[in-house]
Every structure is written in C-alpha cells, then in structure tokens.
Amino acid sequence: METVKTLKLRIKDKHAKVLRAMARDVNTVWNFCNETQYRSLRRYTNKPQVWLSGFDLQKLTSGFSKCEGVSIGSTTVQVVCEEFATRLRQFKKQRLNWRVSHKKSPK
C-alpha cells in the first residue's frame, strides 16, 4: 500500500504591486475605448451609426504608454483596443461594462 503525502505551500507573489498597476492601466484603456465609442455614436445621431474599429481606437490611444506612471507597453494597449472592438461586435451593444481594478471601488 502506497502512501501519498501532500505538501501545502503558500507562495506570496512579490510582483503583486506591479501586476495591479498593469491591470489598472489596462482597465483605463478599456474604459477610454468604451467612452470614445459611446461618444461617437451619440455625436452622429442623424447619420448611420459609426462603429469604431480596433485600428481607429489604436490611433486614438497612441502615446498612452509614454505617459508618466504607465507600466504597460504600446503593444498591450493595441491588443486591448482590438479586443474591445471584437467584444463590441460580438455582443452588439453600444456600450460595454466598465472595467474596475478593485472589487470594492465604485463604478
């Protein structure tokens, strides 16, 4: 009869602060894309709806990674913009949910 012993370890993440800062920056880009999309739809009410593509959003967010205190790169910003445009087309909504970094913070 074999005996199996399980060792439980709790490993603390020493990069938690950096990861939280990156998540906050990604959520900021997502929320900016969300607000920009909604404003473009409201602006052109008489014309057919203007849905911004990932490329349009990338042009609007250029330079975000060069801001002071931002810890994500430009490629990450571009991927977030493309993902936002994909989800917008997928769910066929004018505005998606806001992204919040901290569970207890207000939306």
PDB file of N, CA and C in Angstrom:
ATOM      1  N   MET A   1       0.836  -1.176   0.000  1.00  0.00           N
ATOM      2  CA  MET A   1       0.000   0.000   0.000  1.00  0.00           C
ATOM      3  C   MET A   1       0.880   1.238   0.000  1.00  0.00           C
ATOM      4  N   GLU A   2       0.630   2.114  -0.970  1.00  0.00           N
ATOM      5  CA  GLU A   2       1.433   3.331  -1.095  1.00  0.00           C
ATOM      6  C   GLU A   2       0.796   4.468  -0.317  1.00  0.00           C
ATOM      7  N   THR A   3       1.639   5.279   0.261  1.00  0.00           N
ATOM      8  CA  THR A   3       1.170   6.441   0.994  1.00  0.00           C
ATOM      9  C   THR A   3       1.559   7.697   0.216  1.00  0.00           C
ATOM     10  N   VAL A   4       0.589   8.561   0.039  1.00  0.00           N
ATOM     11  CA  VAL A   4       0.834   9.803  -0.678  1.00  0.00           C
ATOM     12  C   VAL A   4       0.768  10.951   0.318  1.00  0.00           C
ATOM     13  N   LYS A   5       1.829  11.748   0.353  1.00  0.00           N
ATOM     14  CA  LYS A   5       1.859  12.914   1.232  1.00  0.00           C
ATOM     15  C   LYS A   5       1.785  14.165   0.368  1.00  0.00           C
ATOM     16  N   THR A   6       0.982  15.093   0.807  1.00  0.00           N
ATOM     17  CA  THR A   6       0.814  16.347   0.080  1.00  0.00           C
ATOM     18  C   THR A   6       1.405  17.466   0.913  1.00  0.00           C
ATOM     19  N   LEU A   7       2.230  18.243   0.281  1.00  0.00           N
ATOM     20  CA  LEU A   7       2.853  19.375   0.944  1.00  0.00           C
ATOM     21  C   LEU A   7       2.168  20.641   0.452  1.00  0.00           C
ATOM     22  N   LYS A   8       1.632  21.417   1.379  1.00  0.00           N
ATOM     23  CA  LYS A   8       0.960  22.656   1.012  1.00  0.00           C
ATOM     24  C   LYS A   8       1.873  23.835   1.330  1.00  0.00           C
ATOM     25  N   LEU A   9       2.112  24.644   0.318  1.00  0.00           N
ATOM     26  CA  LEU A   9       2.917  25.841   0.484  1.00  0.00           C
ATOM     27  C   LEU A   9       2.129  27.047  -0.001  1.00  0.00           C
ATOM     28  N   ARG A  10       2.283  28.101   0.692  1.00  0.00           N
ATOM     29  CA  ARG A  10       1.683  29.351   0.235  1.00  0.00           C
ATOM     30  C   ARG A  10       2.811  30.249  -0.236  1.00  0.00           C
ATOM     31  N   ILE A  11       2.806  30.498  -1.516  1.00  0.00           N
ATOM     32  CA  ILE A  11       3.852  31.314  -2.099  1.00  0.00           C
ATOM     33  C   ILE A  11       3.287  32.710  -2.324  1.00  0.00           C
ATOM     34  N   LYS A  12       3.945  33.690  -1.748  1.00  0.00           N
ATOM     35  CA  LYS A  12       3.478  35.060  -1.902  1.00  0.00           C
ATOM     36  C   LYS A  12       4.051  35.645  -3.183  1.00  0.00           C
ATOM     37  N   ASP A  13       3.210  36.370  -3.870  1.00  0.00           N
ATOM     38  CA  ASP A  13       3.629  36.969  -5.122  1.00  0.00           C
ATOM     39  C   ASP A  13       4.357  38.276  -4.831  1.00  0.00           C
ATOM     40  N   LYS A  14       5.626  38.314  -5.164  1.00  0.00           N
ATOM     41  CA  LYS A  14       6.391  39.532  -4.890  1.00  0.00           C
ATOM     42  C   LYS A  14       6.183  40.592  -5.965  1.00  0.00           C
ATOM     43  N   HIS A  15       5.488  40.246  -7.049  1.00  0.00           N
ATOM     44  CA  HIS A  15       5.223  41.191  -8.112  1.00  0.00           C
ATOM     45  C   HIS A  15       3.770  41.666  -8.118  1.00  0.00           C
ATOM     46  N   ALA A  16       3.078  41.515  -7.006  1.00  0.00           N
ATOM     47  CA  ALA A  16       1.654  41.838  -6.953  1.00  0.00           C
ATOM     48  C   ALA A  16       1.390  43.313  -7.222  1.00  0.00           C
ATOM     49  N   LYS A  17       2.218  44.197  -6.719  1.00  0.00           N
ATOM     50  CA  LYS A  17       2.008  45.633  -6.922  1.00  0.00           C
ATOM     51  C   LYS A  17       2.132  46.014  -8.392  1.00  0.00           C
ATOM     52  N   VAL A  18       3.122  45.437  -9.054  1.00  0.00           N
ATOM     53  CA  VAL A  18       3.327  45.732 -10.475  1.00  0.00           C
ATOM     54  C   VAL A  18       2.167  45.187 -11.304  1.00  0.00           C
ATOM     55  N   LEU A  19       1.697  43.988 -10.980  1.00  0.00           N
ATOM     56  CA  LEU A  19       0.587  43.391 -11.721  1.00  0.00           C
ATOM     57  C   LEU A  19      -0.704  44.179 -11.518  1.00  0.00           C
ATOM     58  N   ARG A  20      -0.927  44.677 -10.294  1.00  0.00           N
ATOM     59  CA  ARG A  20      -2.109  45.508 -10.047  1.00  0.00           C
ATOM     60  C   ARG A  20      -2.041  46.806 -10.834  1.00  0.00           C
ATOM     61  N   ALA A  21      -0.838  47.398 -10.914  1.00  0.00           N
ATOM     62  CA  ALA A  21      -0.672  48.633 -11.678  1.00  0.00           C
ATOM     63  C   ALA A  21      -0.931  48.386 -13.165  1.00  0.00           C
ATOM     64  N   MET A  22      -0.450  47.261 -13.679  1.00  0.00           N
ATOM     65  CA  MET A  22      -0.699  46.921 -15.078  1.00  0.00           C
ATOM     66  C   MET A  22      -2.189  46.696 -15.335  1.00  0.00           C
ATOM     67  N   ALA A  23      -2.864  46.016 -14.405  1.00  0.00           N
ATOM     68  CA  ALA A  23      -4.305  45.780 -14.564  1.00  0.00           C
ATOM     69  C   ALA A  23      -5.067  47.103 -14.553  1.00  0.00           C
ATOM     70  N   ARG A  24      -4.638  48.025 -13.719  1.00  0.00           N
ATOM     71  CA  ARG A  24      -5.278  49.341 -13.660  1.00  0.00           C
ATOM     72  C   ARG A  24      -5.106  50.081 -14.983  1.00  0.00           C
ATOM     73  N   ASP A  25      -3.922  49.994 -15.573  1.00  0.00           N
ATOM     74  CA  ASP A  25      -3.669  50.654 -16.858  1.00  0.00           C
ATOM     75  C   ASP A  25      -4.490  50.025 -17.982  1.00  0.00           C
ATOM     76  N   VAL A  26      -4.593  48.711 -17.983  1.00  0.00           N
ATOM     77  CA  VAL A  26      -5.396  48.022 -18.996  1.00  0.00           C
ATOM     78  C   VAL A  26      -6.860  48.418 -18.859  1.00  0.00           C
ATOM     79  N   ASN A  27      -7.358  48.495 -17.629  1.00  0.00           N
ATOM     80  CA  ASN A  27      -8.743  48.897 -17.410  1.00  0.00           C
ATOM     81  C   ASN A  27      -8.974  50.343 -17.835  1.00  0.00           C
ATOM     82  N   THR A  28      -7.973  51.196 -17.664  1.00  0.00           N
ATOM     83  CA  THR A  28      -8.082  52.586 -18.101  1.00  0.00           C
ATOM     84  C   THR A  28      -8.230  52.665 -19.618  1.00  0.00           C
ATOM     85  N   VAL A  29      -7.443  51.871 -20.328  1.00  0.00           N
ATOM     86  CA  VAL A  29      -7.532  51.848 -21.790  1.00  0.00           C
ATOM     87  C   VAL A  29      -8.896  51.321 -22.222  1.00  0.00           C
ATOM     88  N   TRP A  30      -9.375  50.261 -21.587  1.00  0.00           N
ATOM     89  CA  TRP A  30     -10.674  49.679 -21.914  1.00  0.00           C
ATOM     90  C   TRP A  30     -11.785  50.717 -21.708  1.00  0.00           C
ATOM     91  N   ASN A  31     -11.753  51.405 -20.564  1.00  0.00           N
ATOM     92  CA  ASN A  31     -12.781  52.399 -20.269  1.00  0.00           C
ATOM     93  C   ASN A  31     -12.707  53.584 -21.229  1.00  0.00           C
ATOM     94  N   PHE A  32     -11.494  53.965 -21.640  1.00  0.00           N
ATOM     95  CA  PHE A  32     -11.349  55.040 -22.618  1.00  0.00           C
ATOM     96  C   PHE A  32     -11.967  54.638 -23.953  1.00  0.00           C
ATOM     97  N   CYS A  33     -11.704  53.410 -24.381  1.00  0.00           N
ATOM     98  CA  CYS A  33     -12.291  52.915 -25.632  1.00  0.00           C
ATOM     99  C   CYS A  33     -13.814  52.868 -25.532  1.00  0.00           C
ATOM    100  N   ASN A  34     -14.314  52.464 -24.382  1.00  0.00           N
ATOM    101  CA  ASN A  34     -15.752  52.381 -24.166  1.00  0.00           C
ATOM    102  C   ASN A  34     -16.400  53.762 -24.262  1.00  0.00           C
ATOM    103  N   GLU A  35     -15.817  54.735 -23.613  1.00  0.00           N
ATOM    104  CA  GLU A  35     -16.363  56.091 -23.635  1.00  0.00           C
ATOM    105  C   GLU A  35     -16.238  56.714 -25.019  1.00  0.00           C
ATOM    106  N   THR A  36     -15.143  56.493 -25.700  1.00  0.00           N
ATOM    107  CA  THR A  36     -14.943  57.036 -27.042  1.00  0.00           C
ATOM    108  C   THR A  36     -15.964  56.459 -28.022  1.00  0.00           C
ATOM    109  N   GLN A  37     -16.209  55.168 -27.935  1.00  0.00           N
ATOM    110  CA  GLN A  37     -17.188  54.523 -28.799  1.00  0.00           C
ATOM    111  C   GLN A  37     -18.581  55.095 -28.552  1.00  0.00           C
ATOM    112  N   TYR A  38     -18.948  55.252 -27.287  1.00  0.00           N
ATOM    113  CA  TYR A  38     -20.282  55.751 -26.962  1.00  0.00           C
ATOM    114  C   TYR A  38     -20.449  57.198 -27.429  1.00  0.00           C
ATOM    115  N   ARG A  39     -19.404  58.004 -27.279  1.00  0.00           N
ATOM    116  CA  ARG A  39     -19.475  59.398 -27.731  1.00  0.00           C
ATOM    117  C   ARG A  39     -19.590  59.487 -29.244  1.00  0.00           C
ATOM    118  N   SER A  40     -18.912  58.616 -29.957  1.00  0.00           N
ATOM    119  CA  SER A  40     -19.007  58.654 -31.419  1.00  0.00           C
ATOM    120  C   SER A  40     -20.413  58.264 -31.884  1.00  0.00           C
ATOM    121  N   LEU A  41     -21.064  57.373 -31.175  1.00  0.00           N
ATOM    122  CA  LEU A  41     -22.433  57.000 -31.528  1.00  0.00           C
ATOM    123  C   LEU A  41     -23.418  58.129 -31.214  1.00  0.00           C
ATOM    124  N   ARG A  42     -23.205  58.821 -30.115  1.00  0.00           N
ATOM    125  CA  ARG A  42     -24.093  59.929 -29.742  1.00  0.00           C
ATOM    126  C   ARG A  42     -23.912  61.135 -30.649  1.00  0.00           C
ATOM    127  N   ARG A  43     -22.695  61.359 -31.120  1.00  0.00           N
ATOM    128  CA  ARG A  43     -22.402  62.537 -31.937  1.00  0.00           C
ATOM    129  C   ARG A  43     -23.112  62.473 -33.281  1.00  0.00           C
ATOM    130  N   TYR A  44     -23.141  61.305 -33.878  1.00  0.00           N
ATOM    131  CA  TYR A  44     -23.725  61.154 -35.205  1.00  0.00           C
ATOM    132  C   TYR A  44     -25.081  60.471 -35.106  1.00  0.00           C
ATOM    133  N   THR A  45     -26.042  61.141 -34.480  1.00  0.00           N
ATOM    134  CA  THR A  45     -27.356  60.520 -34.289  1.00  0.00           C
ATOM    135  C   THR A  45     -28.169  60.508 -35.570  1.00  0.00           C
ATOM    136  N   ASN A  46     -28.019  61.521 -36.446  1.00  0.00           N
ATOM    137  CA  ASN A  46     -28.809  61.586 -37.678  1.00  0.00           C
ATOM    138  C   ASN A  46     -28.260  60.666 -38.756  1.00  0.00           C
ATOM    139  N   LYS A  47     -26.988  60.375 -38.690  1.00  0.00           N
ATOM    140  CA  LYS A  47     -26.338  59.538 -39.701  1.00  0.00           C
ATOM    141  C   LYS A  47     -26.347  58.075 -39.242  1.00  0.00           C
ATOM    142  N   PRO A  48     -25.986  57.169 -40.120  1.00  0.00           N
ATOM    143  CA  PRO A  48     -25.853  55.773 -39.677  1.00  0.00           C
ATOM    144  C   PRO A  48     -24.793  55.653 -38.588  1.00  0.00           C
ATOM    145  N   GLN A  49     -24.977  54.693 -37.717  1.00  0.00           N
ATOM    146  CA  GLN A  49     -24.081  54.550 -36.575  1.00  0.00           C
ATOM    147  C   GLN A  49     -22.647  54.298 -37.020  1.00  0.00           C
ATOM    148  N   VAL A  50     -21.727  54.988 -36.374  1.00  0.00           N
ATOM    149  CA  VAL A  50     -20.306  54.858 -36.683  1.00  0.00           C
ATOM    150  C   VAL A  50     -19.687  53.957 -35.613  1.00  0.00           C
ATOM    151  N   TRP A  51     -19.350  52.747 -36.004  1.00  0.00           N
ATOM    152  CA  TRP A  51     -18.712  51.816 -35.087  1.00  0.00           C
ATOM    153  C   TRP A  51     -17.205  51.909 -35.299  1.00  0.00           C
ATOM    154  N   LEU A  52     -16.491  52.231 -34.258  1.00  0.00           N
ATOM    155  CA  LEU A  52     -15.040  52.364 -34.355  1.00  0.00           C
ATOM    156  C   LEU A  52     -14.402  50.979 -34.411  1.00  0.00           C
ATOM    157  N   SER A  53     -13.421  50.831 -35.270  1.00  0.00           N
ATOM    158  CA  SER A  53     -12.706  49.559 -35.380  1.00  0.00           C
ATOM    159  C   SER A  53     -11.531  49.567 -34.402  1.00  0.00           C
ATOM    160  N   GLY A  54     -10.877  48.443 -34.293  1.00  0.00           N
ATOM    161  CA  GLY A  54      -9.703  48.360 -33.436  1.00  0.00           C
ATOM    162  C   GLY A  54      -8.602  49.291 -33.902  1.00  0.00           C
ATOM    163  N   PHE A  55      -8.477  49.444 -35.208  1.00  0.00           N
ATOM    164  CA  PHE A  55      -7.458  50.332 -35.764  1.00  0.00           C
ATOM    165  C   PHE A  55      -7.749  51.788 -35.409  1.00  0.00           C
ATOM    166  N   ASP A  56      -9.011  52.197 -35.478  1.00  0.00           N
ATOM    167  CA  ASP A  56      -9.383  53.563 -35.106  1.00  0.00           C
ATOM    168  C   ASP A  56      -9.073  53.836 -33.635  1.00  0.00           C
ATOM    169  N   LEU A  57      -9.395  52.863 -32.795  1.00  0.00           N
ATOM    170  CA  LEU A  57      -9.127  53.033 -31.363  1.00  0.00           C
ATOM    171  C   LEU A  57      -7.631  53.056 -31.075  1.00  0.00           C
ATOM    172  N   GLN A  58      -6.861  52.292 -31.836  1.00  0.00           N
ATOM    173  CA  GLN A  58      -5.412  52.300 -31.651  1.00  0.00           C
ATOM    174  C   GLN A  58      -4.823  53.665 -31.976  1.00  0.00           C
ATOM    175  N   LYS A  59      -5.352  54.304 -33.022  1.00  0.00           N
ATOM    176  CA  LYS A  59      -4.864  55.642 -33.363  1.00  0.00           C
ATOM    177  C   LYS A  59      -5.212  56.646 -32.265  1.00  0.00           C
ATOM    178  N   LEU A  60      -6.375  56.475 -31.633  1.00  0.00           N
ATOM    179  CA  LEU A  60      -6.786  57.400 -30.591  1.00  0.00           C
ATOM    180  C   LEU A  60      -6.015  57.201 -29.282  1.00  0.00           C
ATOM    181  N   THR A  61      -5.510  55.999 -29.057  1.00  0.00           N
ATOM    182  CA  THR A  61      -4.784  55.733 -27.822  1.00  0.00           C
ATOM    183  C   THR A  61      -3.268  55.779 -28.003  1.00  0.00           C
ATOM    184  N   SER A  62      -2.805  56.238 -29.157  1.00  0.00           N
ATOM    185  CA  SER A  62      -1.353  56.298 -29.354  1.00  0.00           C
ATOM    186  C   SER A  62      -0.743  57.302 -28.383  1.00  0.00           C
ATOM    187  N   GLY A  63       0.365  56.942 -27.804  1.00  0.00           N
ATOM    188  CA  GLY A  63       1.043  57.805 -26.842  1.00  0.00           C
ATOM    189  C   GLY A  63       0.667  57.515 -25.404  1.00  0.00           C
ATOM    190  N   PHE A  64      -0.288  56.623 -25.173  1.00  0.00           N
ATOM    191  CA  PHE A  64      -0.690  56.318 -23.801  1.00  0.00           C
ATOM    192  C   PHE A  64       0.438  55.670 -23.018  1.00  0.00           C
ATOM    193  N   SER A  65       1.214  54.807 -23.673  1.00  0.00           N
ATOM    194  CA  SER A  65       2.275  54.088 -22.963  1.00  0.00           C
ATOM    195  C   SER A  65       3.448  54.995 -22.609  1.00  0.00           C
ATOM    196  N   LYS A  66       3.493  56.195 -23.215  1.00  0.00           N
ATOM    197  CA  LYS A  66       4.574  57.124 -22.899  1.00  0.00           C
ATOM    198  C   LYS A  66       4.233  58.043 -21.735  1.00  0.00           C
ATOM    199  N   CYS A  67       3.000  57.964 -21.243  1.00  0.00           N
ATOM    200  CA  CYS A  67       2.592  58.808 -20.117  1.00  0.00           C
ATOM    201  C   CYS A  67       3.360  58.410 -18.860  1.00  0.00           C
ATOM    202  N   GLU A  68       3.512  59.341 -17.975  1.00  0.00           N
ATOM    203  CA  GLU A  68       4.256  59.085 -16.748  1.00  0.00           C
ATOM    204  C   GLU A  68       3.445  58.178 -15.826  1.00  0.00           C
ATOM    205  N   GLY A  69       4.083  57.164 -15.300  1.00  0.00           N
ATOM    206  CA  GLY A  69       3.432  56.258 -14.367  1.00  0.00           C
ATOM    207  C   GLY A  69       2.719  55.088 -15.019  1.00  0.00           C
ATOM    208  N   VAL A  70       2.782  54.952 -16.321  1.00  0.00           N
ATOM    209  CA  VAL A  70       2.126  53.856 -17.024  1.00  0.00           C
ATOM    210  C   VAL A  70       3.121  52.701 -17.156  1.00  0.00           C
ATOM    211  N   SER A  71       2.665  51.507 -16.789  1.00  0.00           N
ATOM    212  CA  SER A  71       3.595  50.369 -16.771  1.00  0.00           C
ATOM    213  C   SER A  71       3.321  49.349 -17.873  1.00  0.00           C
ATOM    214  N   ILE A  72       2.432  49.653 -18.820  1.00  0.00           N
ATOM    215  CA  ILE A  72       2.193  48.721 -19.921  1.00  0.00           C
ATOM    216  C   ILE A  72       2.748  49.316 -21.204  1.00  0.00           C
ATOM    217  N   GLY A  73       3.074  48.459 -22.141  1.00  0.00           N
ATOM    218  CA  GLY A  73       3.655  48.903 -23.396  1.00  0.00           C
ATOM    219  C   GLY A  73       2.598  49.207 -24.440  1.00  0.00           C
ATOM    220  N   SER A  74       3.072  49.720 -25.559  1.00  0.00           N
ATOM    221  CA  SER A  74       2.148  50.107 -26.626  1.00  0.00           C
ATOM    222  C   SER A  74       1.486  48.891 -27.269  1.00  0.00           C
ATOM    223  N   THR A  75       2.174  47.762 -27.303  1.00  0.00           N
ATOM    224  CA  THR A  75       1.561  46.567 -27.885  1.00  0.00           C
ATOM    225  C   THR A  75       0.385  46.090 -27.037  1.00  0.00           C
ATOM    226  N   THR A  76       0.505  46.220 -25.726  1.00  0.00           N
ATOM    227  CA  THR A  76      -0.592  45.838 -24.842  1.00  0.00           C
ATOM    228  C   THR A  76      -1.794  46.750 -25.060  1.00  0.00           C
ATOM    229  N   VAL A  77      -1.536  48.040 -25.234  1.00  0.00           N
ATOM    230  CA  VAL A  77      -2.615  48.995 -25.497  1.00  0.00           C
ATOM    231  C   VAL A  77      -3.317  48.645 -26.803  1.00  0.00           C
ATOM    232  N   GLN A  78      -2.552  48.276 -27.823  1.00  0.00           N
ATOM    233  CA  GLN A  78      -3.133  47.918 -29.111  1.00  0.00           C
ATOM    234  C   GLN A  78      -3.970  46.645 -29.010  1.00  0.00           C
ATOM    235  N   VAL A  79      -3.506  45.680 -28.244  1.00  0.00           N
ATOM    236  CA  VAL A  79      -4.254  44.432 -28.081  1.00  0.00           C
ATOM    237  C   VAL A  79      -5.563  44.697 -27.332  1.00  0.00           C
ATOM    238  N   VAL A  80      -5.529  45.571 -26.335  1.00  0.00           N
ATOM    239  CA  VAL A  80      -6.743  45.903 -25.582  1.00  0.00           C
ATOM    240  C   VAL A  80      -7.752  46.583 -26.504  1.00  0.00           C
ATOM    241  N   CYS A  81      -7.293  47.483 -27.360  1.00  0.00           N
ATOM    242  CA  CYS A  81      -8.189  48.163 -28.305  1.00  0.00           C
ATOM    243  C   CYS A  81      -8.817  47.168 -29.280  1.00  0.00           C
ATOM    244  N   GLU A  82      -8.022  46.255 -29.772  1.00  0.00           N
ATOM    245  CA  GLU A  82      -8.531  45.246 -30.701  1.00  0.00           C
ATOM    246  C   GLU A  82      -9.530  44.323 -30.012  1.00  0.00           C
ATOM    247  N   GLU A  83      -9.230  43.942 -28.775  1.00  0.00           N
ATOM    248  CA  GLU A  83     -10.139  43.084 -28.009  1.00  0.00           C
ATOM    249  C   GLU A  83     -11.459  43.801 -27.727  1.00  0.00           C
ATOM    250  N   PHE A  84     -11.387  45.084 -27.421  1.00  0.00           N
ATOM    251  CA  PHE A  84     -12.601  45.860 -27.174  1.00  0.00           C
ATOM    252  C   PHE A  84     -13.475  45.898 -28.424  1.00  0.00           C
ATOM    253  N   ALA A  85     -12.869  46.153 -29.573  1.00  0.00           N
ATOM    254  CA  ALA A  85     -13.632  46.207 -30.821  1.00  0.00           C
ATOM    255  C   ALA A  85     -14.253  44.847 -31.141  1.00  0.00           C
ATOM    256  N   THR A  86     -13.532  43.777 -30.845  1.00  0.00           N
ATOM    257  CA  THR A  86     -14.062  42.432 -31.080  1.00  0.00           C
ATOM    258  C   THR A  86     -15.262  42.151 -30.194  1.00  0.00           C
ATOM    259  N   ARG A  87     -15.167  42.491 -28.919  1.00  0.00           N
ATOM    260  CA  ARG A  87     -16.260  42.249 -27.977  1.00  0.00           C
ATOM    261  C   ARG A  87     -17.470  43.134 -28.283  1.00  0.00           C
ATOM    262  N   LEU A  88     -17.210  44.321 -28.796  1.00  0.00           N
ATOM    263  CA  LEU A  88     -18.298  45.220 -29.172  1.00  0.00           C
ATOM    264  C   LEU A  88     -19.106  44.624 -30.315  1.00  0.00           C
ATOM    265  N   ARG A  89     -18.405  44.078 -31.305  1.00  0.00           N
ATOM    266  CA  ARG A  89     -19.096  43.428 -32.424  1.00  0.00           C
ATOM    267  C   ARG A  89     -19.791  42.146 -31.972  1.00  0.00           C
ATOM    268  N   GLN A  90     -19.149  41.427 -31.057  1.00  0.00           N
ATOM    269  CA  GLN A  90     -19.701  40.150 -30.614  1.00  0.00           C
ATOM    270  C   GLN A  90     -21.030  40.334 -29.875  1.00  0.00           C
ATOM    271  N   PHE A  91     -21.071  41.286 -28.951  1.00  0.00           N
ATOM    272  CA  PHE A  91     -22.264  41.458 -28.126  1.00  0.00           C
ATOM    273  C   PHE A  91     -23.264  42.456 -28.714  1.00  0.00           C
ATOM    274  N   LYS A  92     -22.881  43.155 -29.783  1.00  0.00           N
ATOM    275  CA  LYS A  92     -23.764  44.081 -30.497  1.00  0.00           C
ATOM    276  C   LYS A  92     -24.402  45.095 -29.558  1.00  0.00           C
ATOM    277  N   LYS A  93     -23.579  45.715 -28.732  1.00  0.00           N
ATOM    278  CA  LYS A  93     -24.053  46.726 -27.805  1.00  0.00           C
ATOM    279  C   LYS A  93     -23.380  48.050 -28.112  1.00  0.00           C
ATOM    280  N   GLN A  94     -24.022  49.138 -27.673  1.00  0.00           N
ATOM    281  CA  GLN A  94     -23.427  50.452 -27.862  1.00  0.00           C
ATOM    282  C   GLN A  94     -22.334  50.719 -26.841  1.00  0.00           C
ATOM    283  N   ARG A  95     -22.492  50.152 -25.665  1.00  0.00           N
ATOM    284  CA  ARG A  95     -21.526  50.387 -24.595  1.00  0.00           C
ATOM    285  C   ARG A  95     -21.369  49.094 -23.798  1.00  0.00           C
ATOM    286  N   LEU A  96     -20.134  48.724 -23.523  1.00  0.00           N
ATOM    287  CA  LEU A  96     -19.865  47.533 -22.718  1.00  0.00           C
ATOM    288  C   LEU A  96     -19.705  47.929 -21.260  1.00  0.00           C
ATOM    289  N   ASN A  97     -19.580  46.951 -20.386  1.00  0.00           N
ATOM    290  CA  ASN A  97     -19.415  47.234 -18.960  1.00  0.00           C
ATOM    291  C   ASN A  97     -18.067  47.886 -18.684  1.00  0.00           C
ATOM    292  N   TRP A  98     -18.066  48.756 -17.691  1.00  0.00           N
ATOM    293  CA  TRP A  98     -16.821  49.388 -17.260  1.00  0.00           C
ATOM    294  C   TRP A  98     -15.959  48.349 -16.567  1.00  0.00           C
ATOM    295  N   ARG A  99     -14.649  48.495 -16.696  1.00  0.00           N
ATOM    296  CA  ARG A  99     -13.706  47.602 -16.027  1.00  0.00           C
ATOM    297  C   ARG A  99     -13.217  48.276 -14.765  1.00  0.00           C
ATOM    298  N   VAL A 100     -13.276  47.600 -13.646  1.00  0.00           N
ATOM    299  CA  VAL A 100     -12.864  48.147 -12.366  1.00  0.00           C
ATOM    300  C   VAL A 100     -11.722  47.307 -11.832  1.00  0.00           C
ATOM    301  N   SER A 101     -10.655  47.975 -11.370  1.00  0.00           N
ATOM    302  CA  SER A 101      -9.478  47.255 -10.891  1.00  0.00           C
ATOM    303  C   SER A 101      -9.680  46.684  -9.500  1.00  0.00           C
ATOM    304  N   HIS A 102     -10.373  47.398  -8.662  1.00  0.00           N
ATOM    305  CA  HIS A 102     -10.560  46.978  -7.282  1.00  0.00           C
ATOM    306  C   HIS A 102     -12.030  46.609  -7.083  1.00  0.00           C
ATOM    307  N   LYS A 103     -12.286  45.466  -6.477  1.00  0.00           N
ATOM    308  CA  LYS A 103     -13.648  44.978  -6.324  1.00  0.00           C
ATOM    309  C   LYS A 103     -14.530  45.928  -5.518  1.00  0.00           C
ATOM    310  N   LYS A 104     -13.960  46.562  -4.516  1.00  0.00           N
ATOM    311  CA  LYS A 104     -14.754  47.395  -3.614  1.00  0.00           C
ATOM    312  C   LYS A 104     -14.894  48.837  -4.112  1.00  0.00           C
ATOM    313  N   SER A 105     -14.178  49.207  -5.167  1.00  0.00           N
ATOM    314  CA  SER A 105     -14.270  50.577  -5.636  1.00  0.00           C
ATOM    315  C   SER A 105     -15.566  50.787  -6.409  1.00  0.00           C
ATOM    316  N   PRO A 106     -16.095  51.989  -6.382  1.00  0.00           N
ATOM    317  CA  PRO A 106     -17.346  52.235  -7.099  1.00  0.00           C
ATOM    318  C   PRO A 106     -17.121  52.263  -8.595  1.00  0.00           C
ATOM    319  N   LYS A 107     -18.157  51.945  -9.328  1.00  0.00           N
ATOM    320  CA  LYS A 107     -18.071  52.013 -10.781  1.00  0.00           C
ATOM    321  C   LYS A 107     -18.263  53.438 -11.186  1.00  0.00           C
TER     322      LYS A 107
END
